[in-house]
Amino acid sequence: AAALLAPLRDARDEWVAARDGAAYEGYASLAEAFGTAARAFHTLFGDEGAGECAAKVTLVIAQRLVLTRQAFEAELKLSNDGGAALSDITVAIHVVDADTRANATARFAYTPPTALGFGGGGGTLSTGSEAGSGVTLGGETSGVATWIIVPKDAAVPGATPRTYLVGGTLRYTEGGVARVIELLPDDIEVQPDPRLYLSYFWTREVYGDDHGTVAVVEPSKPFYLALLVHNAGYGVAQNVRIATAQPEIRNNNDGLALAFSIDAVAVDSFVPDDAPPGFAVLQSAQRAYGTVVNATGYAIGDGGGGGGGGDGD
């Protein structure tokens, strides 16, 4: 794996140097610097020296990145010890910043509750931060509702964890009388979230069989398709996992006899010994990179020659 990743490290260093140079020259990105240079070249020389492309093929590699995010479970158990049913039962969750006492409900996302033991003919107990249409609870029975609360980026904008108080408002009708109970809050500590950026690198020239030499079959040479994952957030990205499908040719209008395959994968710098199989942990401000190799063809794109293919969350 070390020999496989050595050229990738060199390409990464070259790309970082080019990106920093573009920033020093006042460009917002390396792509903007390249575009400016390309337009200047075209203005000076027109189409002179422009190479011709015999054919164009679109290659798609589907990938899915999964990581574990922090979440909190809130549970409410309601017991009706009386003989008469309770009706119009609703719950609205409220969150308050423990330091500033400011309303922080909007800094979290809420799943609809899983409610057991309640009735009401299609009514709802809650939508999370807002009350539902109302449910019922029979006499001498108990009901349990469970919510999943997920912090948004605004919950911890910096590197320091924050404490929040999670409470709510319970409303119901008993014997024709509407009642309101403020639920006692419980505290939770929210850690900073990771923020992952993905940059792709690929080899510009890919060597395979030359279709112009029918009598000779040239061997295919493996090439690099690399992915750099950068955690720019303050939190740790837990259980990072990337699933990659085999390459798929989408557009091949000239009917070229091309085939691409991922034959080997190497991952470096962020897999601890105690990580579950196929999972990794990416610390704050840490980068990780891996390669897939052995495809045949000719790749042209913004990341040619080891450049960055683009960033995304």
C-alpha atoms as a PDB file:
ATOM      1  CA  ALA A   1       0.000   0.000   0.000  1.00  0.00           C
ATOM      2  CA  ALA A   2       2.891   2.397   0.757  1.00  0.00           C
ATOM      3  CA  ALA A   3       4.274   2.089  -2.779  1.00  0.00           C
ATOM      4  CA  LEU A   4       0.805   2.515  -4.226  1.00  0.00           C
ATOM      5  CA  LEU A   5       0.183   5.722  -2.270  1.00  0.00           C
ATOM      6  CA  ALA A   6       3.588   7.360  -2.854  1.00  0.00           C
ATOM      7  CA  PRO A   7       2.651   8.916  -6.239  1.00  0.00           C
ATOM      8  CA  LEU A   8      -0.639  10.058  -4.717  1.00  0.00           C
ATOM      9  CA  ARG A   9       1.181  11.906  -1.931  1.00  0.00           C
ATOM     10  CA  ASP A  10       3.357  13.651  -4.531  1.00  0.00           C
ATOM     11  CA  ALA A  11       0.287  14.609  -6.587  1.00  0.00           C
ATOM     12  CA  ARG A  12      -1.468  15.858  -3.471  1.00  0.00           C
ATOM     13  CA  ASP A  13       1.505  18.036  -2.518  1.00  0.00           C
ATOM     14  CA  GLU A  14       1.654  19.477  -6.043  1.00  0.00           C
ATOM     15  CA  TRP A  15      -2.048  20.264  -5.961  1.00  0.00           C
ATOM     16  CA  VAL A  16      -1.806  21.927  -2.542  1.00  0.00           C
ATOM     17  CA  ALA A  17       1.123  24.049  -3.764  1.00  0.00           C
ATOM     18  CA  ALA A  18      -0.820  25.052  -6.894  1.00  0.00           C
ATOM     19  CA  ARG A  19      -3.923  25.864  -4.853  1.00  0.00           C
ATOM     20  CA  ASP A  20      -1.936  28.002  -2.407  1.00  0.00           C
ATOM     21  CA  GLY A  21      -0.215  29.760  -5.310  1.00  0.00           C
ATOM     22  CA  ALA A  22      -3.566  30.578  -6.880  1.00  0.00           C
ATOM     23  CA  ALA A  23      -4.798  31.954  -3.554  1.00  0.00           C
ATOM     24  CA  TYR A  24      -1.651  34.100  -3.259  1.00  0.00           C
ATOM     25  CA  GLU A  25      -2.396  35.550  -6.702  1.00  0.00           C
ATOM     26  CA  GLY A  26      -5.870  36.516  -5.509  1.00  0.00           C
ATOM     27  CA  TYR A  27      -7.947  33.736  -7.063  1.00  0.00           C
ATOM     28  CA  ALA A  28     -10.823  32.196  -5.116  1.00  0.00           C
ATOM     29  CA  SER A  29      -9.904  28.684  -6.278  1.00  0.00           C
ATOM     30  CA  LEU A  30      -7.520  26.743  -8.458  1.00  0.00           C
ATOM     31  CA  ALA A  31     -10.304  26.229 -10.983  1.00  0.00           C
ATOM     32  CA  GLU A  32     -10.770  30.011 -11.288  1.00  0.00           C
ATOM     33  CA  ALA A  33      -7.036  30.481 -11.912  1.00  0.00           C
ATOM     34  CA  PHE A  34      -7.030  27.760 -14.563  1.00  0.00           C
ATOM     35  CA  GLY A  35     -10.096  29.200 -16.255  1.00  0.00           C
ATOM     36  CA  THR A  36      -8.543  32.671 -16.376  1.00  0.00           C
ATOM     37  CA  ALA A  37      -5.350  31.277 -17.902  1.00  0.00           C
ATOM     38  CA  ALA A  38      -7.307  29.234 -20.455  1.00  0.00           C
ATOM     39  CA  ARG A  39      -9.321  32.274 -21.564  1.00  0.00           C
ATOM     40  CA  ALA A  40      -6.165  34.356 -21.840  1.00  0.00           C
ATOM     41  CA  PHE A  41      -4.534  31.668 -23.995  1.00  0.00           C
ATOM     42  CA  HIS A  42      -7.576  31.479 -26.248  1.00  0.00           C
ATOM     43  CA  THR A  43      -7.624  35.280 -26.622  1.00  0.00           C
ATOM     44  CA  LEU A  44      -3.970  35.342 -27.684  1.00  0.00           C
ATOM     45  CA  PHE A  45      -3.799  32.270 -29.874  1.00  0.00           C
ATOM     46  CA  GLY A  46      -7.394  31.383 -30.753  1.00  0.00           C
ATOM     47  CA  ASP A  47      -7.733  27.721 -31.702  1.00  0.00           C
ATOM     48  CA  GLU A  48      -4.078  27.453 -32.729  1.00  0.00           C
ATOM     49  CA  GLY A  49      -2.449  24.502 -31.068  1.00  0.00           C
ATOM     50  CA  ALA A  50      -5.689  23.182 -29.660  1.00  0.00           C
ATOM     51  CA  GLY A  51      -5.698  19.419 -29.663  1.00  0.00           C
ATOM     52  CA  GLU A  52      -8.432  17.348 -31.242  1.00  0.00           C
ATOM     53  CA  CYS A  53     -10.373  14.798 -29.318  1.00  0.00           C
ATOM     54  CA  ALA A  54     -11.170  11.676 -31.289  1.00  0.00           C
ATOM     55  CA  ALA A  55     -14.067  10.662 -29.070  1.00  0.00           C
ATOM     56  CA  LYS A  56     -15.660  11.496 -25.757  1.00  0.00           C
ATOM     57  CA  VAL A  57     -16.818   8.981 -23.183  1.00  0.00           C
ATOM     58  CA  THR A  58     -18.608   9.743 -19.916  1.00  0.00           C
ATOM     59  CA  LEU A  59     -17.552   7.530 -17.031  1.00  0.00           C
ATOM     60  CA  VAL A  60     -19.573   7.424 -13.794  1.00  0.00           C
ATOM     61  CA  ILE A  61     -18.383   5.943 -10.504  1.00  0.00           C
ATOM     62  CA  ALA A  62     -21.122   5.929  -7.878  1.00  0.00           C
ATOM     63  CA  GLN A  63     -19.932   6.450  -4.315  1.00  0.00           C
ATOM     64  CA  ARG A  64     -21.642   6.738  -0.954  1.00  0.00           C
ATOM     65  CA  LEU A  65     -20.007   8.159   2.153  1.00  0.00           C
ATOM     66  CA  VAL A  66     -21.484   7.276   5.531  1.00  0.00           C
ATOM     67  CA  LEU A  67     -20.456   8.460   8.984  1.00  0.00           C
ATOM     68  CA  THR A  68     -21.921   8.279  12.467  1.00  0.00           C
ATOM     69  CA  ARG A  69     -23.438  11.522  13.786  1.00  0.00           C
ATOM     70  CA  GLN A  70     -24.276  12.337  17.369  1.00  0.00           C
ATOM     71  CA  ALA A  71     -27.936  12.178  18.335  1.00  0.00           C
ATOM     72  CA  PHE A  72     -29.967  12.160  21.540  1.00  0.00           C
ATOM     73  CA  GLU A  73     -32.970  10.080  22.518  1.00  0.00           C
ATOM     74  CA  ALA A  74     -35.773  11.731  24.462  1.00  0.00           C
ATOM     75  CA  GLU A  75     -38.420   9.580  26.130  1.00  0.00           C
ATOM     76  CA  LEU A  76     -41.699  10.502  27.776  1.00  0.00           C
ATOM     77  CA  LYS A  77     -43.717   7.983  29.786  1.00  0.00           C
ATOM     78  CA  LEU A  78     -47.259   9.033  30.633  1.00  0.00           C
ATOM     79  CA  SER A  79     -49.359   7.009  33.083  1.00  0.00           C
ATOM     80  CA  ASN A  80     -53.118   7.475  33.467  1.00  0.00           C
ATOM     81  CA  ASP A  81     -54.065   6.039  36.853  1.00  0.00           C
ATOM     82  CA  GLY A  82     -57.669   7.229  36.624  1.00  0.00           C
ATOM     83  CA  GLY A  83     -60.580   5.360  35.150  1.00  0.00           C
ATOM     84  CA  ALA A  84     -61.424   7.968  32.485  1.00  0.00           C
ATOM     85  CA  ALA A  85     -59.472   8.427  29.285  1.00  0.00           C
ATOM     86  CA  LEU A  86     -57.257  11.432  28.600  1.00  0.00           C
ATOM     87  CA  SER A  87     -57.825  13.140  25.247  1.00  0.00           C
ATOM     88  CA  ASP A  88     -56.194  15.803  23.046  1.00  0.00           C
ATOM     89  CA  ILE A  89     -52.735  14.812  24.310  1.00  0.00           C
ATOM     90  CA  THR A  90     -49.934  16.744  22.604  1.00  0.00           C
ATOM     91  CA  VAL A  91     -46.245  17.375  23.319  1.00  0.00           C
ATOM     92  CA  ALA A  92     -43.988  20.127  21.989  1.00  0.00           C
ATOM     93  CA  ILE A  93     -40.244  19.852  22.655  1.00  0.00           C
ATOM     94  CA  HIS A  94     -38.326  22.984  23.670  1.00  0.00           C
ATOM     95  CA  VAL A  95     -34.547  23.409  23.870  1.00  0.00           C
ATOM     96  CA  VAL A  96     -32.767  26.192  25.742  1.00  0.00           C
ATOM     97  CA  ASP A  97     -29.099  27.186  25.734  1.00  0.00           C
ATOM     98  CA  ALA A  98     -27.885  26.423  29.251  1.00  0.00           C
ATOM     99  CA  ASP A  99     -25.495  29.414  29.305  1.00  0.00           C
ATOM    100  CA  THR A 100     -27.517  32.175  27.659  1.00  0.00           C
ATOM    101  CA  ARG A 101     -31.023  30.817  28.376  1.00  0.00           C
ATOM    102  CA  ALA A 102     -31.883  31.643  24.771  1.00  0.00           C
ATOM    103  CA  ASN A 103     -34.427  29.545  22.892  1.00  0.00           C
ATOM    104  CA  ALA A 104     -32.363  27.031  20.877  1.00  0.00           C
ATOM    105  CA  THR A 105     -35.128  24.756  19.589  1.00  0.00           C
ATOM    106  CA  ALA A 106     -34.331  25.617  15.960  1.00  0.00           C
ATOM    107  CA  ARG A 107     -30.726  24.452  16.376  1.00  0.00           C
ATOM    108  CA  PHE A 108     -31.893  20.837  16.393  1.00  0.00           C
ATOM    109  CA  ALA A 109     -33.791  18.484  14.097  1.00  0.00           C
ATOM    110  CA  TYR A 110     -36.441  16.131  15.474  1.00  0.00           C
ATOM    111  CA  THR A 111     -37.906  12.875  14.271  1.00  0.00           C
ATOM    112  CA  PRO A 112     -41.650  12.284  14.715  1.00  0.00           C
ATOM    113  CA  PRO A 113     -42.049  10.314  17.933  1.00  0.00           C
ATOM    114  CA  THR A 114     -42.512   6.593  18.146  1.00  0.00           C
ATOM    115  CA  ALA A 115     -45.625   6.370  20.313  1.00  0.00           C
ATOM    116  CA  LEU A 116     -46.778   3.170  22.051  1.00  0.00           C
ATOM    117  CA  GLY A 117     -49.965   2.770  24.082  1.00  0.00           C
ATOM    118  CA  PHE A 118     -51.725   5.855  22.734  1.00  0.00           C
ATOM    119  CA  GLY A 119     -54.894   5.901  20.631  1.00  0.00           C
ATOM    120  CA  GLY A 120     -56.817   8.564  18.842  1.00  0.00           C
ATOM    121  CA  GLY A 121     -57.884   7.369  15.431  1.00  0.00           C
ATOM    122  CA  GLY A 122     -55.018   8.715  13.345  1.00  0.00           C
ATOM    123  CA  GLY A 123     -54.099  11.695  15.520  1.00  0.00           C
ATOM    124  CA  THR A 124     -50.509  12.647  16.275  1.00  0.00           C
ATOM    125  CA  LEU A 125     -48.801  13.340  19.578  1.00  0.00           C
ATOM    126  CA  SER A 126     -46.084  15.612  18.246  1.00  0.00           C
ATOM    127  CA  THR A 127     -44.045  16.585  15.225  1.00  0.00           C
ATOM    128  CA  GLY A 128     -41.028  17.274  17.423  1.00  0.00           C
ATOM    129  CA  SER A 129     -40.734  20.950  18.236  1.00  0.00           C
ATOM    130  CA  GLU A 130     -44.453  21.480  17.568  1.00  0.00           C
ATOM    131  CA  ALA A 131     -47.549  19.871  19.064  1.00  0.00           C
ATOM    132  CA  GLY A 132     -49.456  17.310  17.038  1.00  0.00           C
ATOM    133  CA  SER A 133     -53.175  17.043  16.392  1.00  0.00           C
ATOM    134  CA  GLY A 134     -53.758  15.085  19.604  1.00  0.00           C
ATOM    135  CA  VAL A 135     -54.029  11.479  20.773  1.00  0.00           C
ATOM    136  CA  THR A 136     -55.812   9.672  23.615  1.00  0.00           C
ATOM    137  CA  LEU A 137     -54.742   7.492  26.512  1.00  0.00           C
ATOM    138  CA  GLY A 138     -57.194   5.077  28.071  1.00  0.00           C
ATOM    139  CA  GLY A 139     -57.874   4.800  31.779  1.00  0.00           C
ATOM    140  CA  GLU A 140     -55.448   2.848  33.924  1.00  0.00           C
ATOM    141  CA  THR A 141     -52.962   2.538  31.033  1.00  0.00           C
ATOM    142  CA  SER A 142     -49.544   3.944  30.167  1.00  0.00           C
ATOM    143  CA  GLY A 143     -48.077   5.345  26.973  1.00  0.00           C
ATOM    144  CA  VAL A 144     -44.441   5.861  25.931  1.00  0.00           C
ATOM    145  CA  ALA A 145     -43.186   8.290  23.280  1.00  0.00           C
ATOM    146  CA  THR A 146     -39.599   8.434  21.990  1.00  0.00           C
ATOM    147  CA  TRP A 147     -37.947  11.166  19.893  1.00  0.00           C
ATOM    148  CA  ILE A 148     -34.526  11.322  18.234  1.00  0.00           C
ATOM    149  CA  ILE A 149     -32.950  14.774  18.482  1.00  0.00           C
ATOM    150  CA  VAL A 150     -30.091  15.603  16.088  1.00  0.00           C
ATOM    151  CA  PRO A 151     -27.973  18.754  16.539  1.00  0.00           C
ATOM    152  CA  LYS A 152     -27.548  21.046  13.531  1.00  0.00           C
ATOM    153  CA  ASP A 153     -24.324  22.891  12.720  1.00  0.00           C
ATOM    154  CA  ALA A 154     -25.623  25.952  14.584  1.00  0.00           C
ATOM    155  CA  ALA A 155     -25.759  23.995  17.840  1.00  0.00           C
ATOM    156  CA  VAL A 156     -21.957  24.113  18.186  1.00  0.00           C
ATOM    157  CA  PRO A 157     -20.464  26.622  15.736  1.00  0.00           C
ATOM    158  CA  GLY A 158     -16.997  26.493  17.310  1.00  0.00           C
ATOM    159  CA  ALA A 159     -14.637  24.021  18.923  1.00  0.00           C
ATOM    160  CA  THR A 160     -16.124  24.151  22.436  1.00  0.00           C
ATOM    161  CA  PRO A 161     -18.978  21.768  23.359  1.00  0.00           C
ATOM    162  CA  ARG A 162     -22.228  23.366  24.473  1.00  0.00           C
ATOM    163  CA  THR A 163     -24.789  22.332  27.050  1.00  0.00           C
ATOM    164  CA  TYR A 164     -28.512  22.530  26.316  1.00  0.00           C
ATOM    165  CA  LEU A 165     -31.628  21.954  28.387  1.00  0.00           C
ATOM    166  CA  VAL A 166     -34.270  19.798  26.701  1.00  0.00           C
ATOM    167  CA  GLY A 167     -37.812  20.097  28.015  1.00  0.00           C
ATOM    168  CA  GLY A 168     -41.280  20.486  26.617  1.00  0.00           C
ATOM    169  CA  THR A 169     -44.931  21.310  27.061  1.00  0.00           C
ATOM    170  CA  LEU A 170     -47.528  18.588  27.666  1.00  0.00           C
ATOM    171  CA  ARG A 171     -51.168  19.399  26.986  1.00  0.00           C
ATOM    172  CA  TYR A 172     -54.216  17.167  27.462  1.00  0.00           C
ATOM    173  CA  THR A 173     -57.907  17.232  28.348  1.00  0.00           C
ATOM    174  CA  GLU A 174     -59.221  15.452  31.455  1.00  0.00           C
ATOM    175  CA  GLY A 175     -62.914  15.382  32.227  1.00  0.00           C
ATOM    176  CA  GLY A 176     -63.522  18.269  29.837  1.00  0.00           C
ATOM    177  CA  VAL A 177     -60.840  20.432  31.468  1.00  0.00           C
ATOM    178  CA  ALA A 178     -57.776  21.440  29.452  1.00  0.00           C
ATOM    179  CA  ARG A 179     -54.509  21.046  31.337  1.00  0.00           C
ATOM    180  CA  VAL A 180     -50.951  22.254  30.602  1.00  0.00           C
ATOM    181  CA  ILE A 181     -47.793  20.827  32.215  1.00  0.00           C
ATOM    182  CA  GLU A 182     -44.280  22.127  31.632  1.00  0.00           C
ATOM    183  CA  LEU A 183     -41.918  19.163  31.561  1.00  0.00           C
ATOM    184  CA  LEU A 184     -38.778  19.413  33.654  1.00  0.00           C
ATOM    185  CA  PRO A 185     -35.752  19.882  31.347  1.00  0.00           C
ATOM    186  CA  ASP A 186     -32.797  17.547  31.186  1.00  0.00           C
ATOM    187  CA  ASP A 187     -29.312  18.654  30.132  1.00  0.00           C
ATOM    188  CA  ILE A 188     -27.353  17.340  27.147  1.00  0.00           C
ATOM    189  CA  GLU A 189     -23.814  18.167  26.054  1.00  0.00           C
ATOM    190  CA  VAL A 190     -23.403  18.623  22.304  1.00  0.00           C
ATOM    191  CA  GLN A 191     -19.979  18.055  20.763  1.00  0.00           C
ATOM    192  CA  PRO A 192     -18.707  19.856  17.627  1.00  0.00           C
ATOM    193  CA  ASP A 193     -19.602  18.180  14.350  1.00  0.00           C
ATOM    194  CA  PRO A 194     -17.114  17.166  11.660  1.00  0.00           C
ATOM    195  CA  ARG A 195     -17.264  18.803   8.250  1.00  0.00           C
ATOM    196  CA  LEU A 196     -15.960  16.640   5.428  1.00  0.00           C
ATOM    197  CA  TYR A 197     -14.754  17.885   2.054  1.00  0.00           C
ATOM    198  CA  LEU A 198     -14.032  15.468  -0.784  1.00  0.00           C
ATOM    199  CA  SER A 199     -11.397  16.173  -3.446  1.00  0.00           C
ATOM    200  CA  TYR A 200     -10.844  13.837  -6.370  1.00  0.00           C
ATOM    201  CA  PHE A 201      -7.646  13.352  -8.337  1.00  0.00           C
ATOM    202  CA  TRP A 202      -7.135  11.312 -11.453  1.00  0.00           C
ATOM    203  CA  THR A 203      -4.497  10.574 -14.086  1.00  0.00           C
ATOM    204  CA  ARG A 204      -4.932  12.494 -17.320  1.00  0.00           C
ATOM    205  CA  GLU A 205      -3.373   9.962 -19.671  1.00  0.00           C
ATOM    206  CA  VAL A 206      -4.564   6.385 -19.401  1.00  0.00           C
ATOM    207  CA  TYR A 207      -2.988   3.693 -21.536  1.00  0.00           C
ATOM    208  CA  GLY A 208      -4.812   0.721 -22.982  1.00  0.00           C
ATOM    209  CA  ASP A 209      -5.197  -1.079 -26.279  1.00  0.00           C
ATOM    210  CA  ASP A 210      -4.794   1.196 -29.320  1.00  0.00           C
ATOM    211  CA  HIS A 211      -7.786   0.513 -31.565  1.00  0.00           C
ATOM    212  CA  GLY A 212      -5.789   1.820 -34.511  1.00  0.00           C
ATOM    213  CA  THR A 213      -3.463  -1.175 -34.378  1.00  0.00           C
ATOM    214  CA  VAL A 214      -5.830  -4.041 -35.033  1.00  0.00           C
ATOM    215  CA  ALA A 215      -3.103  -6.680 -35.296  1.00  0.00           C
ATOM    216  CA  VAL A 216      -1.469  -5.690 -32.004  1.00  0.00           C
ATOM    217  CA  VAL A 217      -3.127  -5.721 -28.592  1.00  0.00           C
ATOM    218  CA  GLU A 218      -1.337  -3.337 -26.251  1.00  0.00           C
ATOM    219  CA  PRO A 219      -1.595  -4.131 -22.540  1.00  0.00           C
ATOM    220  CA  SER A 220      -3.635  -1.904 -20.253  1.00  0.00           C
ATOM    221  CA  LYS A 221      -1.709  -0.018 -17.602  1.00  0.00           C
ATOM    222  CA  PRO A 222      -3.234   0.661 -14.182  1.00  0.00           C
ATOM    223  CA  PHE A 223      -3.816   4.319 -13.284  1.00  0.00           C
ATOM    224  CA  TYR A 224      -4.791   6.235 -10.194  1.00  0.00           C
ATOM    225  CA  LEU A 225      -8.183   7.577  -9.225  1.00  0.00           C
ATOM    226  CA  ALA A 226      -7.721   9.156  -5.814  1.00  0.00           C
ATOM    227  CA  LEU A 227     -10.035  10.610  -3.209  1.00  0.00           C
ATOM    228  CA  LEU A 228      -8.817  13.010  -0.522  1.00  0.00           C
ATOM    229  CA  VAL A 229     -11.149  13.402   2.463  1.00  0.00           C
ATOM    230  CA  HIS A 230     -10.504  16.488   4.581  1.00  0.00           C
ATOM    231  CA  ASN A 231     -12.189  17.013   7.935  1.00  0.00           C
ATOM    232  CA  ALA A 232     -12.337  20.803   8.233  1.00  0.00           C
ATOM    233  CA  GLY A 233     -14.719  20.733  11.187  1.00  0.00           C
ATOM    234  CA  TYR A 234     -13.973  20.799  14.888  1.00  0.00           C
ATOM    235  CA  GLY A 235     -15.472  17.401  15.634  1.00  0.00           C
ATOM    236  CA  VAL A 236     -14.317  13.860  15.017  1.00  0.00           C
ATOM    237  CA  ALA A 237     -15.874  11.999  12.085  1.00  0.00           C
ATOM    238  CA  GLN A 238     -16.733   8.628  13.571  1.00  0.00           C
ATOM    239  CA  ASN A 239     -17.118   5.390  11.610  1.00  0.00           C
ATOM    240  CA  VAL A 240     -16.388   6.908   8.199  1.00  0.00           C
ATOM    241  CA  ARG A 241     -17.179   4.476   5.419  1.00  0.00           C
ATOM    242  CA  ILE A 242     -17.066   4.940   1.647  1.00  0.00           C
ATOM    243  CA  ALA A 243     -18.750   2.458  -0.654  1.00  0.00           C
ATOM    244  CA  THR A 244     -17.628   2.569  -4.288  1.00  0.00           C
ATOM    245  CA  ALA A 245     -19.344   0.912  -7.210  1.00  0.00           C
ATOM    246  CA  GLN A 246     -17.545  -0.319 -10.292  1.00  0.00           C
ATOM    247  CA  PRO A 247     -17.175   2.284 -13.070  1.00  0.00           C
ATOM    248  CA  GLU A 248     -20.081   2.579 -15.482  1.00  0.00           C
ATOM    249  CA  ILE A 249     -19.857   4.021 -18.993  1.00  0.00           C
ATOM    250  CA  ARG A 250     -22.852   6.283 -19.579  1.00  0.00           C
ATOM    251  CA  ASN A 251     -22.121   8.029 -22.878  1.00  0.00           C
ATOM    252  CA  ASN A 252     -20.151   6.262 -25.585  1.00  0.00           C
ATOM    253  CA  ASN A 253     -21.660   7.614 -28.785  1.00  0.00           C
ATOM    254  CA  ASP A 254     -18.824   6.333 -30.961  1.00  0.00           C
ATOM    255  CA  GLY A 255     -19.169   2.789 -29.658  1.00  0.00           C
ATOM    256  CA  LEU A 256     -15.567   2.467 -28.505  1.00  0.00           C
ATOM    257  CA  ALA A 257     -14.617  -0.896 -27.037  1.00  0.00           C
ATOM    258  CA  LEU A 258     -13.722   0.445 -23.588  1.00  0.00           C
ATOM    259  CA  ALA A 259     -13.828  -1.206 -20.190  1.00  0.00           C
ATOM    260  CA  PHE A 260     -12.953   0.149 -16.769  1.00  0.00           C
ATOM    261  CA  SER A 261     -12.662  -1.696 -13.480  1.00  0.00           C
ATOM    262  CA  ILE A 262     -11.507  -1.038  -9.943  1.00  0.00           C
ATOM    263  CA  ASP A 263      -9.021  -3.772  -9.160  1.00  0.00           C
ATOM    264  CA  ALA A 264      -7.308  -2.541  -5.991  1.00  0.00           C
ATOM    265  CA  VAL A 265      -7.891  -0.089  -3.178  1.00  0.00           C
ATOM    266  CA  ALA A 266      -5.399   1.451  -0.767  1.00  0.00           C
ATOM    267  CA  VAL A 267      -6.275   3.639   2.216  1.00  0.00           C
ATOM    268  CA  ASP A 268      -3.816   5.637   4.263  1.00  0.00           C
ATOM    269  CA  SER A 269      -3.513   7.735   7.418  1.00  0.00           C
ATOM    270  CA  PHE A 270      -6.801   7.353   9.265  1.00  0.00           C
ATOM    271  CA  VAL A 271      -7.693   3.754  10.074  1.00  0.00           C
ATOM    272  CA  PRO A 272      -7.020   2.957  13.750  1.00  0.00           C
ATOM    273  CA  ASP A 273      -6.388  -0.593  14.928  1.00  0.00           C
ATOM    274  CA  ASP A 274      -9.608  -0.680  16.937  1.00  0.00           C
ATOM    275  CA  ALA A 275     -11.891   0.534  14.137  1.00  0.00           C
ATOM    276  CA  PRO A 276     -14.643  -1.862  13.021  1.00  0.00           C
ATOM    277  CA  PRO A 277     -13.956  -3.628   9.696  1.00  0.00           C
ATOM    278  CA  GLY A 278     -14.517  -1.225   6.821  1.00  0.00           C
ATOM    279  CA  PHE A 279     -14.795   1.796   9.116  1.00  0.00           C
ATOM    280  CA  ALA A 280     -12.436   4.608  10.034  1.00  0.00           C
ATOM    281  CA  VAL A 281     -12.154   7.625  12.305  1.00  0.00           C
ATOM    282  CA  LEU A 282     -11.118  10.996  10.893  1.00  0.00           C
ATOM    283  CA  GLN A 283      -9.915  13.486  13.480  1.00  0.00           C
ATOM    284  CA  SER A 284     -10.505  17.235  13.286  1.00  0.00           C
ATOM    285  CA  ALA A 285      -8.265  18.944  10.680  1.00  0.00           C
ATOM    286  CA  GLN A 286      -7.046  15.543   9.477  1.00  0.00           C
ATOM    287  CA  ARG A 287      -6.798  14.398   5.875  1.00  0.00           C
ATOM    288  CA  ALA A 288      -7.088  10.883   4.533  1.00  0.00           C
ATOM    289  CA  TYR A 289      -6.600   9.576   1.051  1.00  0.00           C
ATOM    290  CA  GLY A 290      -6.984   6.391  -0.929  1.00  0.00           C
ATOM    291  CA  THR A 291      -6.697   5.177  -4.503  1.00  0.00           C
ATOM    292  CA  VAL A 292      -8.447   2.895  -6.924  1.00  0.00           C
ATOM    293  CA  VAL A 293      -6.426   1.532  -9.808  1.00  0.00           C
ATOM    294  CA  ASN A 294      -6.398  -0.374 -13.074  1.00  0.00           C
ATOM    295  CA  ALA A 295      -8.740   1.131 -15.630  1.00  0.00           C
ATOM    296  CA  THR A 296      -8.118   1.753 -19.300  1.00  0.00           C
ATOM    297  CA  GLY A 297      -8.986   4.786 -21.395  1.00  0.00           C
ATOM    298  CA  TYR A 298      -8.162   8.486 -21.592  1.00  0.00           C
ATOM    299  CA  ALA A 299      -9.450  10.852 -18.916  1.00  0.00           C
ATOM    300  CA  ILE A 300      -9.888  14.601 -19.441  1.00  0.00           C
ATOM    301  CA  GLY A 301     -11.237  16.894 -16.737  1.00  0.00           C
ATOM    302  CA  ASP A 302     -10.604  19.711 -14.286  1.00  0.00           C
ATOM    303  CA  GLY A 303      -8.444  17.442 -12.181  1.00  0.00           C
ATOM    304  CA  GLY A 304      -6.142  16.281 -14.997  1.00  0.00           C
ATOM    305  CA  GLY A 305      -2.483  15.924 -14.167  1.00  0.00           C
ATOM    306  CA  GLY A 306      -3.106  15.445 -10.477  1.00  0.00           C
ATOM    307  CA  GLY A 307      -5.274  18.515  -9.914  1.00  0.00           C
ATOM    308  CA  GLY A 308      -8.161  18.650  -7.473  1.00  0.00           C
ATOM    309  CA  GLY A 309     -11.436  17.455  -8.885  1.00  0.00           C
ATOM    310  CA  GLY A 310     -13.595  19.611  -6.609  1.00  0.00           C
ATOM    311  CA  ASP A 311     -14.839  19.860  -3.077  1.00  0.00           C
ATOM    312  CA  GLY A 312     -18.187  18.935  -1.581  1.00  0.00           C
ATOM    313  CA  ASP A 313     -19.802  18.272   1.786  1.00  0.00           C
END
